[in-house]
Amino acid sequence: MIEKTVLEYLQSHTGIPCYLEFPSEQQDRFLVIQKTGSSMYDHLKTATIAVQTYAKTLVETISTNEEVKTAMSGLADLDEIGGCNLNSDYNFTDTTTKKYRYQAVFDITHY
């Protein structure tokens, strides 16, 4: 399960609380990991993973997003990961909850 691999990797390399769904407890800073798509070709699996960064201020959200991108650049060091490339990142502020949010989208090849 690639989501669990990314979650555990980001928790250990950033120290930021990570979840696969929005947490019920209020926190100042956290990440939500979601798989938005996947495929397989010649026995190689690929997944598109969105990492949503939440923080108290927009500046802190942007800074945390940069931490995520830096950490994810080393994901391919794991044996089960063939490659990890940043597809895009952008301001994705949640207008419903009025929470600052950034989203970084990664294309990951994994085994």
Protein backbone atom coordinates (compact mmCIF):
# COMPACT_ATOMS: atom_id res chain seq x y z
CA MET A 1 0.00 0.00 0.00
CA ILE A 2 1.88 3.04 -1.33
CA GLU A 3 -0.09 5.49 0.84
CA LYS A 4 1.18 3.80 4.00
CA THR A 5 4.75 3.81 2.69
CA VAL A 6 4.57 7.57 1.97
CA LEU A 7 2.88 8.27 5.32
CA GLU A 8 5.53 6.42 7.33
CA TYR A 9 8.34 7.94 5.26
CA LEU A 10 7.10 11.52 5.71
CA GLN A 11 6.48 11.06 9.44
CA SER A 12 10.01 9.78 9.97
CA HIS A 13 11.71 12.36 7.72
CA THR A 14 9.75 15.49 8.70
CA GLY A 15 8.39 14.81 12.18
CA ILE A 16 5.06 16.26 11.03
CA PRO A 17 1.92 14.31 11.99
CA CYS A 18 0.62 12.48 8.89
CA TYR A 19 -2.80 10.98 8.20
CA LEU A 20 -4.67 9.17 5.45
CA GLU A 21 -7.80 11.16 6.28
CA PHE A 22 -8.54 14.51 7.91
CA PRO A 23 -7.85 14.13 11.66
CA SER A 24 -10.70 14.61 14.12
CA GLU A 25 -8.48 16.39 16.64
CA GLN A 26 -7.50 20.01 15.96
CA GLN A 27 -3.76 20.43 15.26
CA ASP A 28 -1.61 23.39 14.27
CA ARG A 29 0.28 21.58 11.50
CA PHE A 30 -0.27 18.22 9.78
CA LEU A 31 -0.26 16.36 6.45
CA VAL A 32 -2.97 14.35 4.70
CA ILE A 33 -1.84 11.79 2.11
CA GLN A 34 -4.20 10.64 -0.66
CA LYS A 35 -3.73 8.47 -3.72
CA THR A 36 -5.47 10.17 -6.63
CA GLY A 37 -4.69 7.57 -9.28
CA SER A 38 -2.61 4.55 -10.20
CA SER A 39 -1.66 2.30 -13.09
CA MET A 40 0.54 -0.65 -13.97
CA TYR A 41 2.59 -1.25 -17.11
CA ASP A 42 5.08 -4.11 -17.64
CA HIS A 43 4.72 -5.11 -13.98
CA LEU A 44 5.72 -1.61 -12.79
CA LYS A 45 3.19 0.14 -10.60
CA THR A 46 2.76 3.89 -10.65
CA ALA A 47 0.71 6.04 -8.33
CA THR A 48 -0.18 9.69 -8.18
CA ILE A 49 -0.03 10.83 -4.56
CA ALA A 50 -1.30 14.17 -3.25
CA VAL A 51 0.21 15.44 -0.02
CA GLN A 52 -1.94 18.15 1.53
CA THR A 53 -0.19 20.44 4.00
CA TYR A 54 -2.19 22.25 6.70
CA ALA A 55 -0.85 24.94 9.04
CA LYS A 56 -2.01 27.98 11.02
CA THR A 57 -0.73 30.63 8.61
CA LEU A 58 -0.24 30.73 4.87
CA VAL A 59 3.51 31.34 5.29
CA GLU A 60 3.83 28.33 7.60
CA THR A 61 1.79 26.23 5.14
CA ILE A 62 4.09 27.19 2.26
CA SER A 63 7.18 26.49 4.38
CA THR A 64 5.83 23.09 5.41
CA ASN A 65 5.04 22.29 1.77
CA GLU A 66 8.70 22.99 0.96
CA GLU A 67 9.73 20.56 3.75
CA VAL A 68 7.50 17.92 2.17
CA LYS A 69 9.01 18.43 -1.29
CA THR A 70 12.53 18.20 0.11
CA ALA A 71 11.71 15.02 2.05
CA MET A 72 9.95 13.40 -0.91
CA SER A 73 13.03 13.94 -3.09
CA GLY A 74 14.63 11.12 -1.08
CA LEU A 75 11.71 8.67 -1.27
CA ALA A 76 13.39 6.76 -4.11
CA ASP A 77 16.10 5.68 -1.64
CA LEU A 78 13.60 3.09 -0.35
CA ASP A 79 13.99 -0.36 -1.90
CA GLU A 80 10.31 -0.53 -2.88
CA ILE A 81 10.36 2.83 -4.72
CA GLY A 82 11.68 3.15 -8.27
CA GLY A 83 11.22 6.89 -8.61
CA CYS A 84 9.42 9.91 -7.22
CA ASN A 85 8.84 13.08 -9.22
CA LEU A 86 7.03 16.26 -8.26
CA ASN A 87 4.16 16.74 -10.69
CA SER A 88 2.90 20.05 -9.29
CA ASP A 89 2.32 22.00 -6.09
CA TYR A 90 -0.07 24.86 -5.44
CA ASN A 91 -2.13 26.80 -2.94
CA PHE A 92 -5.21 24.71 -2.18
CA THR A 93 -6.71 26.68 0.71
CA ASP A 94 -9.87 24.96 1.96
CA THR A 95 -12.62 27.56 1.64
CA THR A 96 -15.14 25.33 3.42
CA THR A 97 -13.15 24.93 6.65
CA LYS A 98 -11.24 28.24 6.21
CA LYS A 99 -7.95 26.40 6.73
CA TYR A 100 -4.73 27.17 4.88
CA ARG A 101 -3.67 24.24 2.73
CA TYR A 102 -1.05 23.55 0.07
CA GLN A 103 -1.03 20.47 -2.12
CA ALA A 104 1.99 18.78 -3.66
CA VAL A 105 1.31 16.05 -6.22
CA PHE A 106 3.90 13.34 -6.86
CA ASP A 107 4.20 10.63 -9.50
CA ILE A 108 5.69 7.56 -7.85
CA THR A 109 6.93 4.32 -9.43
CA HIS A 110 6.90 1.47 -6.93
CA TYR A 111 7.17 -2.32 -6.63
